[in-house]
């Protein structure tokens, strides 16, 4: 088969690699019908995750068809359409018992495309298939289903839920990339008084309005008003940038919450000299994907609209082109890219 192979920071190739095989009785082999490029994949290419070894196939999100299962797999069989979660869950360790699958101590967690070969390939070996995949209803389009592998659970679990968004809140989302925009859509479910999206890209701010933000602003007057006034009840920091985090600490109110969603590749200064007296709660997190079944129901019943998040599509073999587009996201107008096994020509 073919897959996107990591060689060193800045170097990948679309190469022939060995077909995946069942290594453990709890494994499944999945034919990848759709996958995507995540911001954390870009961090790998920048050298921010040195634990990723040369020769690893990248990617950790996928939707596809099960083609083979190990002897111990009970709930999946060949022919099932599944969503492959970005984190793998052994299902038995203390963390998994607490639904903290991202912290799995039994050989799971974020391993796809990081410790073992990932999903940006024609086939992928999925460990712990019973607890690390979800059945995809046939009526759910691939473009929406693949967002359930990581993007939507991250926005909800690490952003909206950790931030304790509630009725009447003022919510500021710093960063209107795919995760930030998903957080805007999900925060609306909790009836906040207003949602303010902040970004430097005018095109992304326009998308924020489409996704339900009450205001979409460049960092400026409205943020200054929040800083000088009552502040935001919840700030969801979705940039992974030191300036974004600094902005979050300035607009949060006393007693408010900062939910750090962005993946940081370099140190961030925490100004405790300004925060120690404000009773502020700061949370971070690795996604668990425990919310995927609930989010799947939201999509099924029309409570959540996410299709505007997918702006570009490529055939799987054009994955390097997809990386190039995603790496210039604010300039190219790209949000989420979906790579399809059977797509013949790229679209946008």
C-alpha atoms as a PDB file:
ATOM      1  CA  UNK A   1       0.000   0.000   0.000  1.00  0.00           C
ATOM      2  CA  UNK A   2       0.961   3.667  -0.060  1.00  0.00           C
ATOM      3  CA  UNK A   3       1.136   6.167   2.755  1.00  0.00           C
ATOM      4  CA  UNK A   4       2.630   9.504   3.817  1.00  0.00           C
ATOM      5  CA  UNK A   5       5.960   8.648   5.431  1.00  0.00           C
ATOM      6  CA  UNK A   6       7.709  11.003   7.855  1.00  0.00           C
ATOM      7  CA  UNK A   7      11.482  11.259   7.398  1.00  0.00           C
ATOM      8  CA  UNK A   8      12.587  14.279   9.412  1.00  0.00           C
ATOM      9  CA  UNK A   9      11.294  17.788  10.221  1.00  0.00           C
ATOM     10  CA  UNK A  10      10.077  19.248   6.945  1.00  0.00           C
ATOM     11  CA  UNK A  11      10.522  16.007   4.956  1.00  0.00           C
ATOM     12  CA  UNK A  12       7.832  13.488   4.008  1.00  0.00           C
ATOM     13  CA  UNK A  13       7.156  11.288   0.992  1.00  0.00           C
ATOM     14  CA  UNK A  14       4.149   9.480  -0.489  1.00  0.00           C
ATOM     15  CA  UNK A  15       5.683   6.019  -0.643  1.00  0.00           C
ATOM     16  CA  UNK A  16       4.951   2.325  -0.842  1.00  0.00           C
ATOM     17  CA  UNK A  17       4.984   0.835   2.664  1.00  0.00           C
ATOM     18  CA  UNK A  18       4.226  -2.650   4.001  1.00  0.00           C
ATOM     19  CA  UNK A  19       0.561  -3.560   4.275  1.00  0.00           C
ATOM     20  CA  UNK A  20      -0.632  -3.468   7.903  1.00  0.00           C
ATOM     21  CA  UNK A  21      -1.318  -6.825   9.525  1.00  0.00           C
ATOM     22  CA  UNK A  22      -3.067  -7.949  12.676  1.00  0.00           C
ATOM     23  CA  UNK A  23      -0.462  -7.770  15.451  1.00  0.00           C
ATOM     24  CA  UNK A  24      -2.720  -8.144  18.487  1.00  0.00           C
ATOM     25  CA  UNK A  25      -5.996 -10.019  18.837  1.00  0.00           C
ATOM     26  CA  UNK A  26      -7.761  -6.711  19.575  1.00  0.00           C
ATOM     27  CA  UNK A  27      -6.640  -5.093  16.278  1.00  0.00           C
ATOM     28  CA  UNK A  28      -8.638  -4.294  13.176  1.00  0.00           C
ATOM     29  CA  UNK A  29      -7.420  -3.410   9.694  1.00  0.00           C
ATOM     30  CA  UNK A  30      -9.401  -0.530   8.185  1.00  0.00           C
ATOM     31  CA  UNK A  31      -9.412   0.628   4.564  1.00  0.00           C
ATOM     32  CA  UNK A  32      -9.152   4.404   4.731  1.00  0.00           C
ATOM     33  CA  UNK A  33     -11.943   6.073   2.762  1.00  0.00           C
ATOM     34  CA  UNK A  34     -11.398   9.567   4.206  1.00  0.00           C
ATOM     35  CA  UNK A  35      -8.791  11.208   6.390  1.00  0.00           C
ATOM     36  CA  UNK A  36      -7.635  14.737   7.130  1.00  0.00           C
ATOM     37  CA  UNK A  37      -4.644  16.870   8.092  1.00  0.00           C
ATOM     38  CA  UNK A  38      -4.581  18.085  11.688  1.00  0.00           C
ATOM     39  CA  UNK A  39      -2.676  20.957  13.218  1.00  0.00           C
ATOM     40  CA  UNK A  40      -0.732  18.438  15.296  1.00  0.00           C
ATOM     41  CA  UNK A  41       0.514  16.861  12.042  1.00  0.00           C
ATOM     42  CA  UNK A  42       2.021  20.241  11.205  1.00  0.00           C
ATOM     43  CA  UNK A  43       3.669  20.301  14.633  1.00  0.00           C
ATOM     44  CA  UNK A  44       5.299  16.963  13.829  1.00  0.00           C
ATOM     45  CA  UNK A  45       6.684  18.392  10.591  1.00  0.00           C
ATOM     46  CA  UNK A  46       8.057  21.384  12.497  1.00  0.00           C
ATOM     47  CA  UNK A  47       9.960  19.075  14.821  1.00  0.00           C
ATOM     48  CA  UNK A  48       7.853  19.824  17.899  1.00  0.00           C
ATOM     49  CA  UNK A  49       7.313  16.104  18.592  1.00  0.00           C
ATOM     50  CA  UNK A  50      10.764  14.470  18.459  1.00  0.00           C
ATOM     51  CA  UNK A  51       9.329  11.150  19.613  1.00  0.00           C
ATOM     52  CA  UNK A  52       7.950  10.590  16.097  1.00  0.00           C
ATOM     53  CA  UNK A  53      10.566   8.398  14.436  1.00  0.00           C
ATOM     54  CA  UNK A  54      11.565   8.412  10.756  1.00  0.00           C
ATOM     55  CA  UNK A  55       9.568   5.910   8.738  1.00  0.00           C
ATOM     56  CA  UNK A  56       6.294   6.510  10.593  1.00  0.00           C
ATOM     57  CA  UNK A  57       3.151   6.930   8.489  1.00  0.00           C
ATOM     58  CA  UNK A  58       1.449  10.121   9.673  1.00  0.00           C
ATOM     59  CA  UNK A  59      -2.215  10.836  10.446  1.00  0.00           C
ATOM     60  CA  UNK A  60      -4.594   9.924  13.267  1.00  0.00           C
ATOM     61  CA  UNK A  61      -8.137  10.581  11.956  1.00  0.00           C
ATOM     62  CA  UNK A  62     -10.028   8.374   9.530  1.00  0.00           C
ATOM     63  CA  UNK A  63     -13.295   6.928   8.332  1.00  0.00           C
ATOM     64  CA  UNK A  64     -13.330   3.660   6.442  1.00  0.00           C
ATOM     65  CA  UNK A  65     -14.346   0.043   6.095  1.00  0.00           C
ATOM     66  CA  UNK A  66     -13.158  -2.762   8.328  1.00  0.00           C
ATOM     67  CA  UNK A  67     -11.460  -5.434   6.212  1.00  0.00           C
ATOM     68  CA  UNK A  68     -10.109  -7.732   8.939  1.00  0.00           C
ATOM     69  CA  UNK A  69     -10.366  -8.121  12.719  1.00  0.00           C
ATOM     70  CA  UNK A  70      -8.378  -9.958  15.367  1.00  0.00           C
ATOM     71  CA  UNK A  71      -9.768 -12.936  17.245  1.00  0.00           C
ATOM     72  CA  UNK A  72     -10.641 -10.932  20.359  1.00  0.00           C
ATOM     73  CA  UNK A  73     -12.626  -8.209  18.553  1.00  0.00           C
ATOM     74  CA  UNK A  74     -16.293  -8.624  19.464  1.00  0.00           C
ATOM     75  CA  UNK A  75     -18.254  -5.641  18.125  1.00  0.00           C
ATOM     76  CA  UNK A  76     -16.625  -5.035  14.740  1.00  0.00           C
ATOM     77  CA  UNK A  77     -16.426  -7.254  11.688  1.00  0.00           C
ATOM     78  CA  UNK A  78     -15.368  -7.025   8.068  1.00  0.00           C
ATOM     79  CA  UNK A  79     -17.659  -4.731   6.106  1.00  0.00           C
ATOM     80  CA  UNK A  80     -18.498  -2.381   8.995  1.00  0.00           C
ATOM     81  CA  UNK A  81     -18.180   1.328   8.226  1.00  0.00           C
ATOM     82  CA  UNK A  82     -16.345   2.943  11.139  1.00  0.00           C
ATOM     83  CA  UNK A  83     -14.975   6.207  12.471  1.00  0.00           C
ATOM     84  CA  UNK A  84     -11.426   5.692  13.726  1.00  0.00           C
ATOM     85  CA  UNK A  85     -10.859   7.775  16.844  1.00  0.00           C
ATOM     86  CA  UNK A  86      -7.715   9.849  17.032  1.00  0.00           C
ATOM     87  CA  UNK A  87      -6.902   8.289  20.406  1.00  0.00           C
ATOM     88  CA  UNK A  88      -6.832   4.573  21.094  1.00  0.00           C
ATOM     89  CA  UNK A  89      -8.378   3.163  24.262  1.00  0.00           C
ATOM     90  CA  UNK A  90      -7.454  -0.171  25.811  1.00  0.00           C
ATOM     91  CA  UNK A  91     -10.751  -0.003  27.714  1.00  0.00           C
ATOM     92  CA  UNK A  92      -9.384  -1.589  30.895  1.00  0.00           C
ATOM     93  CA  UNK A  93      -6.896   0.743  32.595  1.00  0.00           C
ATOM     94  CA  UNK A  94      -7.899   3.257  35.309  1.00  0.00           C
ATOM     95  CA  UNK A  95      -7.836   6.159  32.837  1.00  0.00           C
ATOM     96  CA  UNK A  96     -10.120   4.342  30.406  1.00  0.00           C
ATOM     97  CA  UNK A  97     -12.499   3.469  33.245  1.00  0.00           C
ATOM     98  CA  UNK A  98     -12.731   7.224  33.856  1.00  0.00           C
ATOM     99  CA  UNK A  99     -13.339   7.808  30.103  1.00  0.00           C
ATOM    100  CA  UNK A 100      -9.955   9.574  29.882  1.00  0.00           C
ATOM    101  CA  UNK A 101      -8.911   7.655  26.790  1.00  0.00           C
ATOM    102  CA  UNK A 102      -6.326  10.234  25.822  1.00  0.00           C
ATOM    103  CA  UNK A 103      -4.446   9.251  28.996  1.00  0.00           C
ATOM    104  CA  UNK A 104      -4.758   5.493  28.409  1.00  0.00           C
ATOM    105  CA  UNK A 105      -2.093   3.559  30.364  1.00  0.00           C
ATOM    106  CA  UNK A 106      -2.693   0.263  28.621  1.00  0.00           C
ATOM    107  CA  UNK A 107      -0.906   0.978  25.374  1.00  0.00           C
ATOM    108  CA  UNK A 108      -3.335   3.502  23.917  1.00  0.00           C
ATOM    109  CA  UNK A 109      -3.672   7.290  23.913  1.00  0.00           C
ATOM    110  CA  UNK A 110      -2.467   9.274  20.927  1.00  0.00           C
ATOM    111  CA  UNK A 111      -0.411   6.579  19.216  1.00  0.00           C
ATOM    112  CA  UNK A 112      -1.677   6.626  15.602  1.00  0.00           C
ATOM    113  CA  UNK A 113       0.707   8.609  13.436  1.00  0.00           C
ATOM    114  CA  UNK A 114       2.901   9.251  16.469  1.00  0.00           C
ATOM    115  CA  UNK A 115       4.084   5.920  17.886  1.00  0.00           C
ATOM    116  CA  UNK A 116       2.697   3.573  15.226  1.00  0.00           C
ATOM    117  CA  UNK A 117       1.738   3.989  11.587  1.00  0.00           C
ATOM    118  CA  UNK A 118      -1.246   6.259  11.128  1.00  0.00           C
ATOM    119  CA  UNK A 119      -4.198   6.989   8.887  1.00  0.00           C
ATOM    120  CA  UNK A 120      -2.769   9.011   5.992  1.00  0.00           C
ATOM    121  CA  UNK A 121      -2.480   5.799   4.016  1.00  0.00           C
ATOM    122  CA  UNK A 122      -4.625   3.371   2.074  1.00  0.00           C
ATOM    123  CA  UNK A 123      -5.028   1.062   5.083  1.00  0.00           C
ATOM    124  CA  UNK A 124      -4.385   1.389   8.811  1.00  0.00           C
ATOM    125  CA  UNK A 125      -4.029  -1.005  11.734  1.00  0.00           C
ATOM    126  CA  UNK A 126      -6.324   0.160  14.546  1.00  0.00           C
ATOM    127  CA  UNK A 127      -5.436  -1.129  18.032  1.00  0.00           C
ATOM    128  CA  UNK A 128      -8.242  -1.889  20.504  1.00  0.00           C
ATOM    129  CA  UNK A 129     -10.796  -1.818  17.714  1.00  0.00           C
ATOM    130  CA  UNK A 130     -13.837  -2.404  19.938  1.00  0.00           C
ATOM    131  CA  UNK A 131     -13.215   0.731  22.010  1.00  0.00           C
ATOM    132  CA  UNK A 132     -11.346   2.877  19.483  1.00  0.00           C
ATOM    133  CA  UNK A 133     -13.827   2.910  16.606  1.00  0.00           C
ATOM    134  CA  UNK A 134     -17.462   3.942  16.223  1.00  0.00           C
ATOM    135  CA  UNK A 135     -19.948   2.666  13.684  1.00  0.00           C
ATOM    136  CA  UNK A 136     -20.652   5.214  10.952  1.00  0.00           C
ATOM    137  CA  UNK A 137     -24.298   5.423   9.906  1.00  0.00           C
ATOM    138  CA  UNK A 138     -24.467   5.166   6.134  1.00  0.00           C
ATOM    139  CA  UNK A 139     -26.491   8.388   5.934  1.00  0.00           C
ATOM    140  CA  UNK A 140     -23.653  10.380   7.538  1.00  0.00           C
ATOM    141  CA  UNK A 141     -21.374  11.809   4.798  1.00  0.00           C
ATOM    142  CA  UNK A 142     -17.682  11.004   4.972  1.00  0.00           C
ATOM    143  CA  UNK A 143     -16.817  14.700   5.219  1.00  0.00           C
ATOM    144  CA  UNK A 144     -18.840  15.047   8.413  1.00  0.00           C
ATOM    145  CA  UNK A 145     -17.966  11.650   9.869  1.00  0.00           C
ATOM    146  CA  UNK A 146     -14.224  12.312   9.737  1.00  0.00           C
ATOM    147  CA  UNK A 147     -14.722  15.420  11.875  1.00  0.00           C
ATOM    148  CA  UNK A 148     -15.868  13.102  14.670  1.00  0.00           C
ATOM    149  CA  UNK A 149     -12.476  11.396  14.763  1.00  0.00           C
ATOM    150  CA  UNK A 150     -10.919  14.354  16.577  1.00  0.00           C
ATOM    151  CA  UNK A 151     -11.998  17.870  15.596  1.00  0.00           C
ATOM    152  CA  UNK A 152     -15.480  17.953  17.111  1.00  0.00           C
ATOM    153  CA  UNK A 153     -14.613  16.002  20.286  1.00  0.00           C
ATOM    154  CA  UNK A 154     -11.626  18.300  20.853  1.00  0.00           C
ATOM    155  CA  UNK A 155     -13.694  21.467  20.478  1.00  0.00           C
ATOM    156  CA  UNK A 156     -16.340  20.106  22.820  1.00  0.00           C
ATOM    157  CA  UNK A 157     -14.347  18.245  25.468  1.00  0.00           C
ATOM    158  CA  UNK A 158     -11.268  20.452  25.749  1.00  0.00           C
ATOM    159  CA  UNK A 159     -12.987  23.724  24.886  1.00  0.00           C
ATOM    160  CA  UNK A 160     -16.692  23.951  25.669  1.00  0.00           C
ATOM    161  CA  UNK A 161     -16.910  21.343  28.424  1.00  0.00           C
ATOM    162  CA  UNK A 162     -13.630  22.170  30.170  1.00  0.00           C
ATOM    163  CA  UNK A 163     -14.528  25.857  29.937  1.00  0.00           C
ATOM    164  CA  UNK A 164     -17.900  25.234  31.627  1.00  0.00           C
ATOM    165  CA  UNK A 165     -19.862  27.231  29.062  1.00  0.00           C
ATOM    166  CA  UNK A 166     -23.338  27.906  30.412  1.00  0.00           C
ATOM    167  CA  UNK A 167     -26.540  29.906  29.828  1.00  0.00           C
ATOM    168  CA  UNK A 168     -26.014  33.643  29.773  1.00  0.00           C
ATOM    169  CA  UNK A 169     -22.241  33.471  29.493  1.00  0.00           C
ATOM    170  CA  UNK A 170     -20.040  35.699  27.413  1.00  0.00           C
ATOM    171  CA  UNK A 171     -17.720  33.364  25.526  1.00  0.00           C
ATOM    172  CA  UNK A 172     -14.626  34.489  23.644  1.00  0.00           C
ATOM    173  CA  UNK A 173     -13.028  32.072  21.193  1.00  0.00           C
ATOM    174  CA  UNK A 174      -9.462  33.095  20.383  1.00  0.00           C
ATOM    175  CA  UNK A 175      -8.579  31.627  17.002  1.00  0.00           C
ATOM    176  CA  UNK A 176     -11.111  30.971  14.239  1.00  0.00           C
ATOM    177  CA  UNK A 177      -9.447  27.944  12.723  1.00  0.00           C
ATOM    178  CA  UNK A 178     -11.344  24.642  12.428  1.00  0.00           C
ATOM    179  CA  UNK A 179     -11.256  23.818  16.154  1.00  0.00           C
ATOM    180  CA  UNK A 180     -12.176  27.350  17.187  1.00  0.00           C
ATOM    181  CA  UNK A 181     -15.073  27.457  14.735  1.00  0.00           C
ATOM    182  CA  UNK A 182     -16.303  24.068  15.940  1.00  0.00           C
ATOM    183  CA  UNK A 183     -16.167  25.441  19.485  1.00  0.00           C
ATOM    184  CA  UNK A 184     -18.337  28.371  18.366  1.00  0.00           C
ATOM    185  CA  UNK A 185     -20.964  25.988  16.967  1.00  0.00           C
ATOM    186  CA  UNK A 186     -20.924  23.748  20.041  1.00  0.00           C
ATOM    187  CA  UNK A 187     -20.967  26.614  22.547  1.00  0.00           C
ATOM    188  CA  UNK A 188     -24.248  27.805  21.017  1.00  0.00           C
ATOM    189  CA  UNK A 189     -25.925  24.641  22.329  1.00  0.00           C
ATOM    190  CA  UNK A 190     -25.528  25.998  25.872  1.00  0.00           C
ATOM    191  CA  UNK A 191     -27.365  29.306  25.296  1.00  0.00           C
ATOM    192  CA  UNK A 192     -24.583  31.793  26.037  1.00  0.00           C
ATOM    193  CA  UNK A 193     -25.462  35.475  25.958  1.00  0.00           C
ATOM    194  CA  UNK A 194     -22.925  36.104  23.228  1.00  0.00           C
ATOM    195  CA  UNK A 195     -20.000  34.434  21.511  1.00  0.00           C
ATOM    196  CA  UNK A 196     -17.129  36.576  20.265  1.00  0.00           C
ATOM    197  CA  UNK A 197     -14.661  35.040  17.809  1.00  0.00           C
ATOM    198  CA  UNK A 198     -11.255  36.704  17.536  1.00  0.00           C
ATOM    199  CA  UNK A 199      -8.790  36.145  14.701  1.00  0.00           C
ATOM    200  CA  UNK A 200      -6.382  38.006  12.456  1.00  0.00           C
ATOM    201  CA  UNK A 201      -7.825  36.523   9.253  1.00  0.00           C
ATOM    202  CA  UNK A 202     -10.840  38.338   7.764  1.00  0.00           C
ATOM    203  CA  UNK A 203     -11.873  35.199   5.849  1.00  0.00           C
ATOM    204  CA  UNK A 204     -11.911  33.127   9.009  1.00  0.00           C
ATOM    205  CA  UNK A 205     -13.886  35.787  10.834  1.00  0.00           C
ATOM    206  CA  UNK A 206     -16.468  35.569   8.061  1.00  0.00           C
ATOM    207  CA  UNK A 207     -16.719  31.825   8.692  1.00  0.00           C
ATOM    208  CA  UNK A 208     -17.115  32.495  12.413  1.00  0.00           C
ATOM    209  CA  UNK A 209     -20.250  34.491  11.702  1.00  0.00           C
ATOM    210  CA  UNK A 210     -21.570  31.607   9.559  1.00  0.00           C
ATOM    211  CA  UNK A 211     -20.921  29.169  12.399  1.00  0.00           C
ATOM    212  CA  UNK A 212     -22.947  31.252  14.845  1.00  0.00           C
ATOM    213  CA  UNK A 213     -20.650  33.801  16.472  1.00  0.00           C
ATOM    214  CA  UNK A 214     -22.537  36.912  17.557  1.00  0.00           C
ATOM    215  CA  UNK A 215     -19.445  38.991  16.838  1.00  0.00           C
ATOM    216  CA  UNK A 216     -16.298  38.250  14.852  1.00  0.00           C
ATOM    217  CA  UNK A 217     -13.487  40.685  15.477  1.00  0.00           C
ATOM    218  CA  UNK A 218      -9.854  41.422  14.923  1.00  0.00           C
ATOM    219  CA  UNK A 219      -8.113  41.875  18.286  1.00  0.00           C
ATOM    220  CA  UNK A 220      -9.133  45.423  19.033  1.00  0.00           C
ATOM    221  CA  UNK A 221     -11.988  47.462  20.429  1.00  0.00           C
ATOM    222  CA  UNK A 222     -14.295  44.702  21.634  1.00  0.00           C
ATOM    223  CA  UNK A 223     -11.432  42.849  23.284  1.00  0.00           C
ATOM    224  CA  UNK A 224     -10.282  46.079  24.895  1.00  0.00           C
ATOM    225  CA  UNK A 225     -13.799  46.631  26.222  1.00  0.00           C
ATOM    226  CA  UNK A 226     -13.829  43.147  27.727  1.00  0.00           C
ATOM    227  CA  UNK A 227     -10.396  43.676  29.260  1.00  0.00           C
ATOM    228  CA  UNK A 228     -11.420  46.988  30.823  1.00  0.00           C
ATOM    229  CA  UNK A 229     -14.950  45.896  31.707  1.00  0.00           C
ATOM    230  CA  UNK A 230     -16.482  42.794  33.246  1.00  0.00           C
ATOM    231  CA  UNK A 231     -14.518  40.381  31.047  1.00  0.00           C
ATOM    232  CA  UNK A 232     -15.509  37.063  29.492  1.00  0.00           C
ATOM    233  CA  UNK A 233     -16.961  34.225  31.529  1.00  0.00           C
ATOM    234  CA  UNK A 234     -15.212  31.677  29.314  1.00  0.00           C
ATOM    235  CA  UNK A 235     -12.252  32.077  26.970  1.00  0.00           C
ATOM    236  CA  UNK A 236     -11.462  29.195  24.629  1.00  0.00           C
ATOM    237  CA  UNK A 237      -7.876  29.570  23.415  1.00  0.00           C
ATOM    238  CA  UNK A 238      -7.670  27.732  20.092  1.00  0.00           C
ATOM    239  CA  UNK A 239      -4.523  29.154  18.502  1.00  0.00           C
ATOM    240  CA  UNK A 240      -1.714  27.323  20.252  1.00  0.00           C
ATOM    241  CA  UNK A 241       0.183  30.597  20.015  1.00  0.00           C
ATOM    242  CA  UNK A 242       1.739  32.521  22.949  1.00  0.00           C
ATOM    243  CA  UNK A 243       0.018  35.737  21.872  1.00  0.00           C
ATOM    244  CA  UNK A 244      -3.332  33.949  21.781  1.00  0.00           C
ATOM    245  CA  UNK A 245      -2.861  32.673  25.308  1.00  0.00           C
ATOM    246  CA  UNK A 246      -1.802  36.113  26.518  1.00  0.00           C
ATOM    247  CA  UNK A 247      -4.947  37.584  24.967  1.00  0.00           C
ATOM    248  CA  UNK A 248      -7.055  34.953  26.756  1.00  0.00           C
ATOM    249  CA  UNK A 249      -5.615  35.918  30.136  1.00  0.00           C
ATOM    250  CA  UNK A 250      -6.393  39.575  29.492  1.00  0.00           C
ATOM    251  CA  UNK A 251     -10.060  39.215  28.561  1.00  0.00           C
ATOM    252  CA  UNK A 252     -11.177  36.614  31.130  1.00  0.00           C
ATOM    253  CA  UNK A 253     -13.207  37.957  34.042  1.00  0.00           C
ATOM    254  CA  UNK A 254     -12.480  37.343  37.704  1.00  0.00           C
ATOM    255  CA  UNK A 255     -13.760  33.868  38.485  1.00  0.00           C
ATOM    256  CA  UNK A 256     -13.809  32.920  34.804  1.00  0.00           C
ATOM    257  CA  UNK A 257     -12.430  29.962  32.891  1.00  0.00           C
ATOM    258  CA  UNK A 258      -9.692  29.714  30.267  1.00  0.00           C
ATOM    259  CA  UNK A 259      -9.877  26.492  28.284  1.00  0.00           C
ATOM    260  CA  UNK A 260      -6.646  25.863  26.406  1.00  0.00           C
ATOM    261  CA  UNK A 261      -7.372  23.888  23.241  1.00  0.00           C
ATOM    262  CA  UNK A 262      -4.462  24.945  21.037  1.00  0.00           C
ATOM    263  CA  UNK A 263      -1.386  22.705  20.843  1.00  0.00           C
ATOM    264  CA  UNK A 264       1.632  24.739  21.907  1.00  0.00           C
ATOM    265  CA  UNK A 265       4.977  24.029  20.301  1.00  0.00           C
ATOM    266  CA  UNK A 266       6.954  26.604  22.285  1.00  0.00           C
ATOM    267  CA  UNK A 267       6.927  28.039  25.816  1.00  0.00           C
ATOM    268  CA  UNK A 268       4.209  30.428  26.947  1.00  0.00           C
ATOM    269  CA  UNK A 269       4.573  33.008  29.703  1.00  0.00           C
ATOM    270  CA  UNK A 270       1.975  32.719  32.459  1.00  0.00           C
ATOM    271  CA  UNK A 271       1.529  36.135  34.064  1.00  0.00           C
ATOM    272  CA  UNK A 272       0.610  35.023  37.556  1.00  0.00           C
ATOM    273  CA  UNK A 273       1.430  38.494  38.821  1.00  0.00           C
ATOM    274  CA  UNK A 274      -1.789  39.605  37.094  1.00  0.00           C
ATOM    275  CA  UNK A 275      -3.849  36.429  37.528  1.00  0.00           C
ATOM    276  CA  UNK A 276      -3.206  35.253  41.073  1.00  0.00           C
ATOM    277  CA  UNK A 277      -5.929  37.442  42.539  1.00  0.00           C
ATOM    278  CA  UNK A 278      -8.588  36.796  39.850  1.00  0.00           C
ATOM    279  CA  UNK A 279      -9.748  33.286  40.834  1.00  0.00           C
ATOM    280  CA  UNK A 280      -9.241  32.154  37.247  1.00  0.00           C
ATOM    281  CA  UNK A 281      -9.379  28.483  36.298  1.00  0.00           C
ATOM    282  CA  UNK A 282      -7.067  27.395  33.478  1.00  0.00           C
ATOM    283  CA  UNK A 283      -7.585  23.985  31.909  1.00  0.00           C
ATOM    284  CA  UNK A 284      -5.724  22.074  29.229  1.00  0.00           C
ATOM    285  CA  UNK A 285      -6.330  18.659  27.786  1.00  0.00           C
ATOM    286  CA  UNK A 286      -5.689  15.827  25.394  1.00  0.00           C
ATOM    287  CA  UNK A 287      -8.943  14.887  23.672  1.00  0.00           C
ATOM    288  CA  UNK A 288     -10.528  11.646  24.891  1.00  0.00           C
ATOM    289  CA  UNK A 289     -13.240  11.222  22.202  1.00  0.00           C
ATOM    290  CA  UNK A 290     -15.605   9.966  24.901  1.00  0.00           C
ATOM    291  CA  UNK A 291     -18.177  12.438  23.563  1.00  0.00           C
ATOM    292  CA  UNK A 292     -18.192  11.007  20.023  1.00  0.00           C
ATOM    293  CA  UNK A 293     -21.472   9.036  20.397  1.00  0.00           C
ATOM    294  CA  UNK A 294     -23.271  12.128  21.709  1.00  0.00           C
ATOM    295  CA  UNK A 295     -21.858  14.317  18.952  1.00  0.00           C
ATOM    296  CA  UNK A 296     -22.870  11.707  16.403  1.00  0.00           C
ATOM    297  CA  UNK A 297     -26.443  11.973  17.667  1.00  0.00           C
ATOM    298  CA  UNK A 298     -26.330  15.768  17.378  1.00  0.00           C
ATOM    299  CA  UNK A 299     -25.387  15.449  13.723  1.00  0.00           C
ATOM    300  CA  UNK A 300     -27.967  12.736  13.122  1.00  0.00           C
ATOM    301  CA  UNK A 301     -30.817  14.826  14.545  1.00  0.00           C
ATOM    302  CA  UNK A 302     -29.790  18.067  12.878  1.00  0.00           C
ATOM    303  CA  UNK A 303     -28.824  19.823  16.111  1.00  0.00           C
ATOM    304  CA  UNK A 304     -25.334  20.604  14.826  1.00  0.00           C
ATOM    305  CA  UNK A 305     -24.217  21.864  11.418  1.00  0.00           C
ATOM    306  CA  UNK A 306     -20.549  21.357  10.572  1.00  0.00           C
ATOM    307  CA  UNK A 307     -20.403  21.034   6.797  1.00  0.00           C
ATOM    308  CA  UNK A 308     -19.078  24.636   6.324  1.00  0.00           C
ATOM    309  CA  UNK A 309     -15.897  23.586   8.130  1.00  0.00           C
ATOM    310  CA  UNK A 310     -14.790  21.436   5.189  1.00  0.00           C
ATOM    311  CA  UNK A 311     -13.482  23.833   2.564  1.00  0.00           C
ATOM    312  CA  UNK A 312     -11.087  21.701   0.498  1.00  0.00           C
ATOM    313  CA  UNK A 313     -11.010  18.116  -0.765  1.00  0.00           C
ATOM    314  CA  UNK A 314      -8.147  16.174  -2.302  1.00  0.00           C
ATOM    315  CA  UNK A 315      -7.565  12.637  -3.471  1.00  0.00           C
ATOM    316  CA  UNK A 316      -5.551  10.714  -0.893  1.00  0.00           C
ATOM    317  CA  UNK A 317      -2.434  10.576  -3.050  1.00  0.00           C
ATOM    318  CA  UNK A 318      -2.368  14.407  -3.098  1.00  0.00           C
ATOM    319  CA  UNK A 319      -1.808  14.498   0.663  1.00  0.00           C
ATOM    320  CA  UNK A 320       1.406  16.511   0.341  1.00  0.00           C
ATOM    321  CA  UNK A 321      -0.514  19.191  -1.546  1.00  0.00           C
ATOM    322  CA  UNK A 322      -3.070  19.168   1.262  1.00  0.00           C
ATOM    323  CA  UNK A 323      -0.312  19.786   3.810  1.00  0.00           C
ATOM    324  CA  UNK A 324       0.913  22.739   1.788  1.00  0.00           C
ATOM    325  CA  UNK A 325      -2.550  24.276   1.690  1.00  0.00           C
ATOM    326  CA  UNK A 326      -3.217  23.683   5.398  1.00  0.00           C
ATOM    327  CA  UNK A 327       0.155  25.126   6.415  1.00  0.00           C
ATOM    328  CA  UNK A 328      -0.939  28.455   4.874  1.00  0.00           C
ATOM    329  CA  UNK A 329      -4.478  28.277   6.214  1.00  0.00           C
ATOM    330  CA  UNK A 330      -5.098  31.940   7.096  1.00  0.00           C
ATOM    331  CA  UNK A 331      -3.790  33.004   3.676  1.00  0.00           C
ATOM    332  CA  UNK A 332      -5.434  30.312   1.523  1.00  0.00           C
ATOM    333  CA  UNK A 333      -8.868  30.440   3.172  1.00  0.00           C
ATOM    334  CA  UNK A 334      -8.659  26.740   4.015  1.00  0.00           C
ATOM    335  CA  UNK A 335     -10.307  25.361   7.130  1.00  0.00           C
ATOM    336  CA  UNK A 336     -10.600  21.590   7.141  1.00  0.00           C
ATOM    337  CA  UNK A 337      -9.176  19.484   4.326  1.00  0.00           C
ATOM    338  CA  UNK A 338     -10.615  16.025   3.678  1.00  0.00           C
ATOM    339  CA  UNK A 339      -8.637  13.464   1.691  1.00  0.00           C
ATOM    340  CA  UNK A 340     -10.772  10.875  -0.115  1.00  0.00           C
ATOM    341  CA  UNK A 341      -9.719   7.466  -1.376  1.00  0.00           C
ATOM    342  CA  UNK A 342     -11.879   7.758  -4.492  1.00  0.00           C
ATOM    343  CA  UNK A 343     -11.805  11.485  -5.217  1.00  0.00           C
ATOM    344  CA  UNK A 344     -10.255  12.052  -8.626  1.00  0.00           C
ATOM    345  CA  UNK A 345      -9.687  15.808  -8.609  1.00  0.00           C
ATOM    346  CA  UNK A 346      -9.125  18.345  -5.797  1.00  0.00           C
ATOM    347  CA  UNK A 347     -11.936  20.772  -5.056  1.00  0.00           C
ATOM    348  CA  UNK A 348     -12.427  23.818  -2.902  1.00  0.00           C
END
